[in-house]
Structures are given as structure tokens and as C-alpha cells.
């Protein structure tokens, strides 16, 4: 939760209500038409405004430097209205890039440094002023579940997404002209379902391999958070 916000009335239990808006930190939810596979679940947001979702057509490219600029625009807009920006997600590198938790060059894995270097190739001169305007007082909240529960939730959600039509969603993207190579580059759901649709694996093999990769991704997310903590970031963990 980033900085403070204005109180807007009082809730039924007498606690002042603060207006808040969500900023997504998911590297794939920026793309339109990639809904089920990225787990946008926009219906769950209710009336809460959200930002940096569906801002580009599927098949496009995006990087951490561009995300930093888009985040800053959304952040300034939310703060100008006295509301609290809540950053949710997702992609550890994106979270770190906009919360200024620590020095990237000293703390991120080599793969992340490579991503940062590639992103900087498109950054115009003088972008340091924008970086200086990013939030400096961030309250980090992490959610904890047991490994067994995390695995069960991932498997359950994967099956729900498949039942909701994730394969048809990705088939539709291919038919609309999004190159298979681009979808594969998005990873996880888009990689394995595309390979299945290309006949390179069976449905059962796709489902099994995809579940394994999502489990590994969730573990990497936790590893990233622990790395943030080692770098001096205080994360307030709460059990769900």
C-alpha cells in the first residue's frame, strides 16, 4: 500500500473509509484478450478502479522500463485525487522497479539484470527524473499459505481456467493472427496451451507440465520476496 489517502466517509463499524485504486504489477495482464490465461478475474474487483490492465493488444512487446513509466502515470493520477494506490501482483521485477526497494545491479538475479539491460536500450535520456518521482514510502504485504495448500490452490485454479475456456481463448488469439512464437514467449499458460494446439503434446501432457511450471513460478515468486527482504525491504506477512 503506497503512502496515505483521503478518508471518504465512515464505514458501518465506525472506521474511516479510504478510497483506494489497484495498479496491476502483472507483466501479461497488460495485454487485451489474454483474460483467462492471465487470471484477470476483473469481476472480483467490483467497483474498485484498476490500472495497467488491457492497455496493449495481444501479441505486443512490453518491458520493465515501459512499465515503470506507465506505473508512474497511474500513480500520479491516483495520488492527485487523494486516493491510495495498491500495487498487486505478480511480476517481482516490476514490483521492485517501481517501489525503489534497493539497487537492482547488486540484488537481482542475473536473468533479471539482463531484462533490465534490455529494457534500458529503449529508455530515452533523462529518465532519471521519472525514477526519482516513484514512491519512496511503501508498505509491503505478503500472503502466506502452506506449501500443500499452495499446490492445491494452483491445481484447482488451473482446472477452473481450463474449464472456463482457456484453450479456446488461446486458439482464438492464434486465429486472430497473434504469432505462435509470441504466445509461447509469454510463458506458462500461453506457452503450453499453444504447444498443445500445435500438436506438440497431448492435452494430458500439457496440463501436467503446465501445473509443474506454475508451481515452480510460485516458488520463484517467494524466492524473489525473500531476496527483497535480504535487501532490506520489510514485508508484513499475513496468513490467509
C-alpha atoms as a PDB file:
ATOM      1  CA  UNK A   1       0.000   0.000   0.000  1.00  0.00           C
ATOM      2  CA  UNK A   2       1.619   3.217  -1.123  1.00  0.00           C
ATOM      3  CA  UNK A   3       1.512   6.325   1.100  1.00  0.00           C
ATOM      4  CA  UNK A   4      -1.660   7.836   2.527  1.00  0.00           C
ATOM      5  CA  UNK A   5      -5.083   8.682   1.155  1.00  0.00           C
ATOM      6  CA  UNK A   6      -8.097  10.770   1.973  1.00  0.00           C
ATOM      7  CA  UNK A   7     -10.925   9.490   4.121  1.00  0.00           C
ATOM      8  CA  UNK A   8     -14.247   9.236   2.295  1.00  0.00           C
ATOM      9  CA  UNK A   9     -16.947   8.821   4.907  1.00  0.00           C
ATOM     10  CA  UNK A  10     -17.184   6.212   7.624  1.00  0.00           C
ATOM     11  CA  UNK A  11     -17.922   2.507   7.299  1.00  0.00           C
ATOM     12  CA  UNK A  12     -20.621   0.706   9.242  1.00  0.00           C
ATOM     13  CA  UNK A  13     -18.201  -0.241  12.026  1.00  0.00           C
ATOM     14  CA  UNK A  14     -17.113   3.362  12.528  1.00  0.00           C
ATOM     15  CA  UNK A  15     -13.764   3.027  10.748  1.00  0.00           C
ATOM     16  CA  UNK A  16     -12.963   5.843   8.291  1.00  0.00           C
ATOM     17  CA  UNK A  17     -13.178   4.569   4.717  1.00  0.00           C
ATOM     18  CA  UNK A  18     -10.209   5.319   2.470  1.00  0.00           C
ATOM     19  CA  UNK A  19     -10.566   5.375  -1.307  1.00  0.00           C
ATOM     20  CA  UNK A  20      -8.078   3.053  -2.993  1.00  0.00           C
ATOM     21  CA  UNK A  21      -7.310   2.004  -6.553  1.00  0.00           C
ATOM     22  CA  UNK A  22      -5.437  -1.028  -7.855  1.00  0.00           C
ATOM     23  CA  UNK A  23      -2.341  -0.922 -10.048  1.00  0.00           C
ATOM     24  CA  UNK A  24      -1.524  -4.272 -11.602  1.00  0.00           C
ATOM     25  CA  UNK A  25       2.077  -5.478 -11.455  1.00  0.00           C
ATOM     26  CA  UNK A  26       1.466  -8.378 -13.837  1.00  0.00           C
ATOM     27  CA  UNK A  27       3.598  -8.405 -16.989  1.00  0.00           C
ATOM     28  CA  UNK A  28       0.934 -10.205 -19.050  1.00  0.00           C
ATOM     29  CA  UNK A  29      -2.295  -8.598 -17.855  1.00  0.00           C
ATOM     30  CA  UNK A  30      -1.337  -5.509 -19.854  1.00  0.00           C
ATOM     31  CA  UNK A  31      -2.497  -7.366 -22.984  1.00  0.00           C
ATOM     32  CA  UNK A  32      -6.095  -7.333 -24.171  1.00  0.00           C
ATOM     33  CA  UNK A  33      -7.733 -10.657 -24.984  1.00  0.00           C
ATOM     34  CA  UNK A  34      -5.491 -12.558 -22.599  1.00  0.00           C
ATOM     35  CA  UNK A  35      -8.015 -12.830 -19.794  1.00  0.00           C
ATOM     36  CA  UNK A  36      -8.417 -16.402 -18.597  1.00  0.00           C
ATOM     37  CA  UNK A  37      -4.786 -17.343 -19.057  1.00  0.00           C
ATOM     38  CA  UNK A  38      -3.531 -14.379 -17.013  1.00  0.00           C
ATOM     39  CA  UNK A  39      -6.233 -14.716 -14.350  1.00  0.00           C
ATOM     40  CA  UNK A  40      -7.516 -11.148 -14.593  1.00  0.00           C
ATOM     41  CA  UNK A  41     -10.672 -12.015 -12.622  1.00  0.00           C
ATOM     42  CA  UNK A  42     -11.911  -8.448 -13.073  1.00  0.00           C
ATOM     43  CA  UNK A  43     -15.347  -9.292 -11.695  1.00  0.00           C
ATOM     44  CA  UNK A  44     -13.736  -9.708  -8.280  1.00  0.00           C
ATOM     45  CA  UNK A  45     -12.655  -6.051  -8.292  1.00  0.00           C
ATOM     46  CA  UNK A  46     -16.238  -4.878  -8.009  1.00  0.00           C
ATOM     47  CA  UNK A  47     -16.310  -1.088  -8.199  1.00  0.00           C
ATOM     48  CA  UNK A  48     -12.630  -0.665  -7.308  1.00  0.00           C
ATOM     49  CA  UNK A  49     -10.835   1.164 -10.168  1.00  0.00           C
ATOM     50  CA  UNK A  50      -7.829  -0.589 -11.679  1.00  0.00           C
ATOM     51  CA  UNK A  51      -4.895   0.433 -13.862  1.00  0.00           C
ATOM     52  CA  UNK A  52      -2.363  -1.139 -16.282  1.00  0.00           C
ATOM     53  CA  UNK A  53      -4.683  -3.914 -17.387  1.00  0.00           C
ATOM     54  CA  UNK A  54      -5.740  -4.248 -21.055  1.00  0.00           C
ATOM     55  CA  UNK A  55      -3.553  -1.388 -22.248  1.00  0.00           C
ATOM     56  CA  UNK A  56      -1.975  -3.177 -25.243  1.00  0.00           C
ATOM     57  CA  UNK A  57      -3.162  -5.607 -27.934  1.00  0.00           C
ATOM     58  CA  UNK A  58      -2.175  -9.247 -27.548  1.00  0.00           C
ATOM     59  CA  UNK A  59       0.972 -10.019 -29.474  1.00  0.00           C
ATOM     60  CA  UNK A  60       2.763  -6.855 -28.411  1.00  0.00           C
ATOM     61  CA  UNK A  61       6.010  -6.428 -26.521  1.00  0.00           C
ATOM     62  CA  UNK A  62       6.400  -4.899 -23.097  1.00  0.00           C
ATOM     63  CA  UNK A  63       9.329  -4.380 -20.747  1.00  0.00           C
ATOM     64  CA  UNK A  64      10.136  -3.244 -17.245  1.00  0.00           C
ATOM     65  CA  UNK A  65      11.245   0.260 -18.240  1.00  0.00           C
ATOM     66  CA  UNK A  66       7.980   0.915 -20.056  1.00  0.00           C
ATOM     67  CA  UNK A  67       6.101  -0.490 -17.086  1.00  0.00           C
ATOM     68  CA  UNK A  68       7.899   1.940 -14.812  1.00  0.00           C
ATOM     69  CA  UNK A  69       6.715   4.862 -16.940  1.00  0.00           C
ATOM     70  CA  UNK A  70       3.134   3.572 -17.135  1.00  0.00           C
ATOM     71  CA  UNK A  71       3.104   2.944 -13.406  1.00  0.00           C
ATOM     72  CA  UNK A  72       4.287   6.461 -12.698  1.00  0.00           C
ATOM     73  CA  UNK A  73       1.480   7.977 -14.773  1.00  0.00           C
ATOM     74  CA  UNK A  74      -1.134   5.863 -12.965  1.00  0.00           C
ATOM     75  CA  UNK A  75       0.451   6.550  -9.579  1.00  0.00           C
ATOM     76  CA  UNK A  76       0.432  10.301 -10.101  1.00  0.00           C
ATOM     77  CA  UNK A  77      -3.177  10.200 -11.287  1.00  0.00           C
ATOM     78  CA  UNK A  78      -4.333   8.251  -8.234  1.00  0.00           C
ATOM     79  CA  UNK A  79      -2.400  10.425  -5.796  1.00  0.00           C
ATOM     80  CA  UNK A  80      -3.714  13.606  -7.428  1.00  0.00           C
ATOM     81  CA  UNK A  81      -7.186  12.521  -6.327  1.00  0.00           C
ATOM     82  CA  UNK A  82      -6.049  11.799  -2.780  1.00  0.00           C
ATOM     83  CA  UNK A  83      -6.501   8.046  -3.091  1.00  0.00           C
ATOM     84  CA  UNK A  84      -4.260   5.148  -2.079  1.00  0.00           C
ATOM     85  CA  UNK A  85      -2.537   3.189  -4.870  1.00  0.00           C
ATOM     86  CA  UNK A  86      -2.419  -0.538  -4.109  1.00  0.00           C
ATOM     87  CA  UNK A  87       0.123  -2.382  -6.233  1.00  0.00           C
ATOM     88  CA  UNK A  88      -0.910  -6.014  -6.777  1.00  0.00           C
ATOM     89  CA  UNK A  89       0.980  -8.828  -8.408  1.00  0.00           C
ATOM     90  CA  UNK A  90       2.626 -10.596  -9.880  1.00  0.00           C
ATOM     91  CA  UNK A  91       5.968  -9.970 -11.575  1.00  0.00           C
ATOM     92  CA  UNK A  92       8.707  -9.449  -8.984  1.00  0.00           C
ATOM     93  CA  UNK A  93      10.922  -7.378 -11.254  1.00  0.00           C
ATOM     94  CA  UNK A  94       8.045  -4.983 -11.946  1.00  0.00           C
ATOM     95  CA  UNK A  95       7.264  -4.573  -8.249  1.00  0.00           C
ATOM     96  CA  UNK A  96      10.892  -3.855  -7.452  1.00  0.00           C
ATOM     97  CA  UNK A  97      11.276  -1.465 -10.375  1.00  0.00           C
ATOM     98  CA  UNK A  98       8.571   0.880  -9.115  1.00  0.00           C
ATOM     99  CA  UNK A  99       8.979   0.663  -5.352  1.00  0.00           C
ATOM    100  CA  UNK A 100      12.687   1.524  -5.309  1.00  0.00           C
ATOM    101  CA  UNK A 101      13.340  -1.069  -2.645  1.00  0.00           C
ATOM    102  CA  UNK A 102      17.044  -1.495  -3.419  1.00  0.00           C
ATOM    103  CA  UNK A 103      19.801  -1.337  -6.027  1.00  0.00           C
ATOM    104  CA  UNK A 104      18.967  -3.629  -8.952  1.00  0.00           C
ATOM    105  CA  UNK A 105      22.563  -4.091 -10.013  1.00  0.00           C
ATOM    106  CA  UNK A 106      23.527  -5.513  -6.605  1.00  0.00           C
ATOM    107  CA  UNK A 107      20.488  -7.561  -5.691  1.00  0.00           C
ATOM    108  CA  UNK A 108      18.528  -9.021  -8.594  1.00  0.00           C
ATOM    109  CA  UNK A 109      19.331 -12.370 -10.249  1.00  0.00           C
ATOM    110  CA  UNK A 110      21.382 -12.376 -13.456  1.00  0.00           C
ATOM    111  CA  UNK A 111      18.283 -13.071 -15.558  1.00  0.00           C
ATOM    112  CA  UNK A 112      16.594 -10.000 -14.119  1.00  0.00           C
ATOM    113  CA  UNK A 113      19.683  -7.863 -14.733  1.00  0.00           C
ATOM    114  CA  UNK A 114      19.584  -8.994 -18.344  1.00  0.00           C
ATOM    115  CA  UNK A 115      15.935  -7.965 -18.589  1.00  0.00           C
ATOM    116  CA  UNK A 116      16.765  -4.583 -17.082  1.00  0.00           C
ATOM    117  CA  UNK A 117      19.610  -4.077 -19.564  1.00  0.00           C
ATOM    118  CA  UNK A 118      17.358  -4.905 -22.486  1.00  0.00           C
ATOM    119  CA  UNK A 119      14.689  -2.552 -21.181  1.00  0.00           C
ATOM    120  CA  UNK A 120      17.167   0.302 -20.813  1.00  0.00           C
ATOM    121  CA  UNK A 121      18.037   0.052 -24.509  1.00  0.00           C
ATOM    122  CA  UNK A 122      14.701   1.707 -25.259  1.00  0.00           C
ATOM    123  CA  UNK A 123      14.847   4.247 -22.457  1.00  0.00           C
ATOM    124  CA  UNK A 124      15.325   7.873 -23.541  1.00  0.00           C
ATOM    125  CA  UNK A 125      17.985  10.037 -21.941  1.00  0.00           C
ATOM    126  CA  UNK A 126      16.942  11.854 -18.814  1.00  0.00           C
ATOM    127  CA  UNK A 127      14.607   9.169 -17.434  1.00  0.00           C
ATOM    128  CA  UNK A 128      16.265   9.524 -14.015  1.00  0.00           C
ATOM    129  CA  UNK A 129      13.860  12.340 -13.156  1.00  0.00           C
ATOM    130  CA  UNK A 130      10.936   9.988 -13.621  1.00  0.00           C
ATOM    131  CA  UNK A 131      12.577   7.347 -11.446  1.00  0.00           C
ATOM    132  CA  UNK A 132      13.068   9.941  -8.714  1.00  0.00           C
ATOM    133  CA  UNK A 133       9.291  10.541  -8.700  1.00  0.00           C
ATOM    134  CA  UNK A 134       8.434   6.920  -7.916  1.00  0.00           C
ATOM    135  CA  UNK A 135       7.007   6.133  -4.461  1.00  0.00           C
ATOM    136  CA  UNK A 136       9.506   6.078  -1.626  1.00  0.00           C
ATOM    137  CA  UNK A 137       7.290   5.011   1.279  1.00  0.00           C
ATOM    138  CA  UNK A 138       5.776   1.634   0.514  1.00  0.00           C
ATOM    139  CA  UNK A 139       4.035  -0.752   2.912  1.00  0.00           C
ATOM    140  CA  UNK A 140       4.566  -4.311   1.672  1.00  0.00           C
ATOM    141  CA  UNK A 141       2.038  -7.034   2.475  1.00  0.00           C
ATOM    142  CA  UNK A 142       2.657 -10.704   1.638  1.00  0.00           C
ATOM    143  CA  UNK A 143       0.233 -13.596   1.981  1.00  0.00           C
ATOM    144  CA  UNK A 144       1.295 -16.938   3.390  1.00  0.00           C
ATOM    145  CA  UNK A 145      -0.173 -20.399   2.886  1.00  0.00           C
ATOM    146  CA  UNK A 146       1.384 -23.789   3.462  1.00  0.00           C
ATOM    147  CA  UNK A 147       3.153 -25.462   0.560  1.00  0.00           C
ATOM    148  CA  UNK A 148       0.429 -28.115   0.439  1.00  0.00           C
ATOM    149  CA  UNK A 149      -2.323 -25.531   0.299  1.00  0.00           C
ATOM    150  CA  UNK A 150      -0.485 -23.503  -2.345  1.00  0.00           C
ATOM    151  CA  UNK A 151      -0.105 -26.578  -4.552  1.00  0.00           C
ATOM    152  CA  UNK A 152      -3.768 -27.483  -4.097  1.00  0.00           C
ATOM    153  CA  UNK A 153      -4.919 -23.963  -4.940  1.00  0.00           C
ATOM    154  CA  UNK A 154      -2.766 -23.812  -8.060  1.00  0.00           C
ATOM    155  CA  UNK A 155      -4.063 -27.150  -9.314  1.00  0.00           C
ATOM    156  CA  UNK A 156      -7.658 -26.193  -8.565  1.00  0.00           C
ATOM    157  CA  UNK A 157      -7.353 -22.836 -10.283  1.00  0.00           C
ATOM    158  CA  UNK A 158      -5.676 -24.348 -13.333  1.00  0.00           C
ATOM    159  CA  UNK A 159      -8.532 -26.813 -13.758  1.00  0.00           C
ATOM    160  CA  UNK A 160     -11.033 -23.981 -13.336  1.00  0.00           C
ATOM    161  CA  UNK A 161      -9.316 -21.938 -16.049  1.00  0.00           C
ATOM    162  CA  UNK A 162      -9.288 -24.875 -18.415  1.00  0.00           C
ATOM    163  CA  UNK A 163     -12.995 -25.435 -17.753  1.00  0.00           C
ATOM    164  CA  UNK A 164     -13.681 -21.728 -18.342  1.00  0.00           C
ATOM    165  CA  UNK A 165     -12.289 -21.947 -21.868  1.00  0.00           C
ATOM    166  CA  UNK A 166      -8.593 -21.092 -21.642  1.00  0.00           C
ATOM    167  CA  UNK A 167      -7.775 -23.340 -24.582  1.00  0.00           C
ATOM    168  CA  UNK A 168     -10.432 -21.650 -26.719  1.00  0.00           C
ATOM    169  CA  UNK A 169      -9.121 -18.228 -25.670  1.00  0.00           C
ATOM    170  CA  UNK A 170      -5.616 -19.072 -26.870  1.00  0.00           C
ATOM    171  CA  UNK A 171      -6.933 -20.746 -30.023  1.00  0.00           C
ATOM    172  CA  UNK A 172      -8.793 -17.514 -30.751  1.00  0.00           C
ATOM    173  CA  UNK A 173      -5.608 -15.469 -30.326  1.00  0.00           C
ATOM    174  CA  UNK A 174      -3.832 -17.706 -32.827  1.00  0.00           C
ATOM    175  CA  UNK A 175      -6.708 -17.426 -35.277  1.00  0.00           C
ATOM    176  CA  UNK A 176      -6.697 -13.639 -34.905  1.00  0.00           C
ATOM    177  CA  UNK A 177      -3.131 -13.534 -36.175  1.00  0.00           C
ATOM    178  CA  UNK A 178      -1.050 -13.472 -33.000  1.00  0.00           C
ATOM    179  CA  UNK A 179       2.075 -15.498 -33.886  1.00  0.00           C
ATOM    180  CA  UNK A 180       2.509 -18.766 -32.031  1.00  0.00           C
ATOM    181  CA  UNK A 181       6.081 -17.763 -31.232  1.00  0.00           C
ATOM    182  CA  UNK A 182       4.843 -14.639 -29.466  1.00  0.00           C
ATOM    183  CA  UNK A 183       2.333 -16.573 -27.366  1.00  0.00           C
ATOM    184  CA  UNK A 184       4.994 -19.120 -26.466  1.00  0.00           C
ATOM    185  CA  UNK A 185       7.275 -16.270 -25.363  1.00  0.00           C
ATOM    186  CA  UNK A 186       4.630 -15.154 -22.837  1.00  0.00           C
ATOM    187  CA  UNK A 187       5.282 -18.387 -20.955  1.00  0.00           C
ATOM    188  CA  UNK A 188       3.244 -20.641 -18.670  1.00  0.00           C
ATOM    189  CA  UNK A 189      -0.376 -20.997 -19.875  1.00  0.00           C
ATOM    190  CA  UNK A 190       0.291 -19.413 -23.259  1.00  0.00           C
ATOM    191  CA  UNK A 191       3.377 -21.495 -23.897  1.00  0.00           C
ATOM    192  CA  UNK A 192       1.958 -24.898 -23.059  1.00  0.00           C
ATOM    193  CA  UNK A 193      -1.528 -24.451 -24.494  1.00  0.00           C
ATOM    194  CA  UNK A 194      -0.023 -23.136 -27.745  1.00  0.00           C
ATOM    195  CA  UNK A 195       2.274 -26.161 -27.944  1.00  0.00           C
ATOM    196  CA  UNK A 196      -0.769 -28.381 -27.362  1.00  0.00           C
ATOM    197  CA  UNK A 197      -2.741 -26.626 -30.102  1.00  0.00           C
ATOM    198  CA  UNK A 198       0.209 -27.090 -32.449  1.00  0.00           C
ATOM    199  CA  UNK A 199       0.060 -30.832 -31.799  1.00  0.00           C
ATOM    200  CA  UNK A 200       3.371 -30.966 -29.970  1.00  0.00           C
ATOM    201  CA  UNK A 201       1.869 -32.570 -26.852  1.00  0.00           C
ATOM    202  CA  UNK A 202      -1.320 -34.210 -25.697  1.00  0.00           C
ATOM    203  CA  UNK A 203      -3.912 -32.455 -23.542  1.00  0.00           C
ATOM    204  CA  UNK A 204      -2.952 -34.528 -20.519  1.00  0.00           C
ATOM    205  CA  UNK A 205       0.743 -33.786 -21.056  1.00  0.00           C
ATOM    206  CA  UNK A 206       0.003 -30.092 -21.439  1.00  0.00           C
ATOM    207  CA  UNK A 207      -1.994 -29.983 -18.233  1.00  0.00           C
ATOM    208  CA  UNK A 208       0.655 -31.895 -16.272  1.00  0.00           C
ATOM    209  CA  UNK A 209       3.630 -29.857 -17.488  1.00  0.00           C
ATOM    210  CA  UNK A 210       1.765 -26.580 -17.061  1.00  0.00           C
ATOM    211  CA  UNK A 211       0.887 -27.407 -13.452  1.00  0.00           C
ATOM    212  CA  UNK A 212       4.540 -28.180 -12.718  1.00  0.00           C
ATOM    213  CA  UNK A 213       5.685 -24.886 -14.239  1.00  0.00           C
ATOM    214  CA  UNK A 214       3.115 -22.853 -12.319  1.00  0.00           C
ATOM    215  CA  UNK A 215       4.273 -24.498  -9.085  1.00  0.00           C
ATOM    216  CA  UNK A 216       7.846 -23.536  -9.951  1.00  0.00           C
ATOM    217  CA  UNK A 217       6.781 -19.990 -10.780  1.00  0.00           C
ATOM    218  CA  UNK A 218       5.034 -19.620  -7.414  1.00  0.00           C
ATOM    219  CA  UNK A 219       8.216 -20.839  -5.709  1.00  0.00           C
ATOM    220  CA  UNK A 220      10.260 -18.273  -7.649  1.00  0.00           C
ATOM    221  CA  UNK A 221       7.890 -15.547  -6.507  1.00  0.00           C
ATOM    222  CA  UNK A 222       8.560 -16.481  -2.893  1.00  0.00           C
ATOM    223  CA  UNK A 223      12.306 -16.594  -3.596  1.00  0.00           C
ATOM    224  CA  UNK A 224      12.089 -13.078  -5.051  1.00  0.00           C
ATOM    225  CA  UNK A 225      10.292 -11.829  -1.940  1.00  0.00           C
ATOM    226  CA  UNK A 226      12.925 -13.356   0.299  1.00  0.00           C
ATOM    227  CA  UNK A 227      15.548 -11.626  -1.806  1.00  0.00           C
ATOM    228  CA  UNK A 228      13.767  -8.314  -1.268  1.00  0.00           C
ATOM    229  CA  UNK A 229      13.879  -8.947   2.459  1.00  0.00           C
ATOM    230  CA  UNK A 230      17.585  -9.673   2.335  1.00  0.00           C
ATOM    231  CA  UNK A 231      17.962  -6.346   0.562  1.00  0.00           C
ATOM    232  CA  UNK A 232      16.336  -4.521   3.469  1.00  0.00           C
ATOM    233  CA  UNK A 233      12.674  -4.458   2.455  1.00  0.00           C
ATOM    234  CA  UNK A 234      10.220  -5.134   5.263  1.00  0.00           C
ATOM    235  CA  UNK A 235       7.367  -7.390   4.139  1.00  0.00           C
ATOM    236  CA  UNK A 236       4.428  -7.780   6.512  1.00  0.00           C
ATOM    237  CA  UNK A 237       3.385 -11.403   6.121  1.00  0.00           C
ATOM    238  CA  UNK A 238      -0.154 -12.451   6.862  1.00  0.00           C
ATOM    239  CA  UNK A 239      -1.699 -15.908   6.803  1.00  0.00           C
ATOM    240  CA  UNK A 240      -4.694 -16.343   4.537  1.00  0.00           C
END
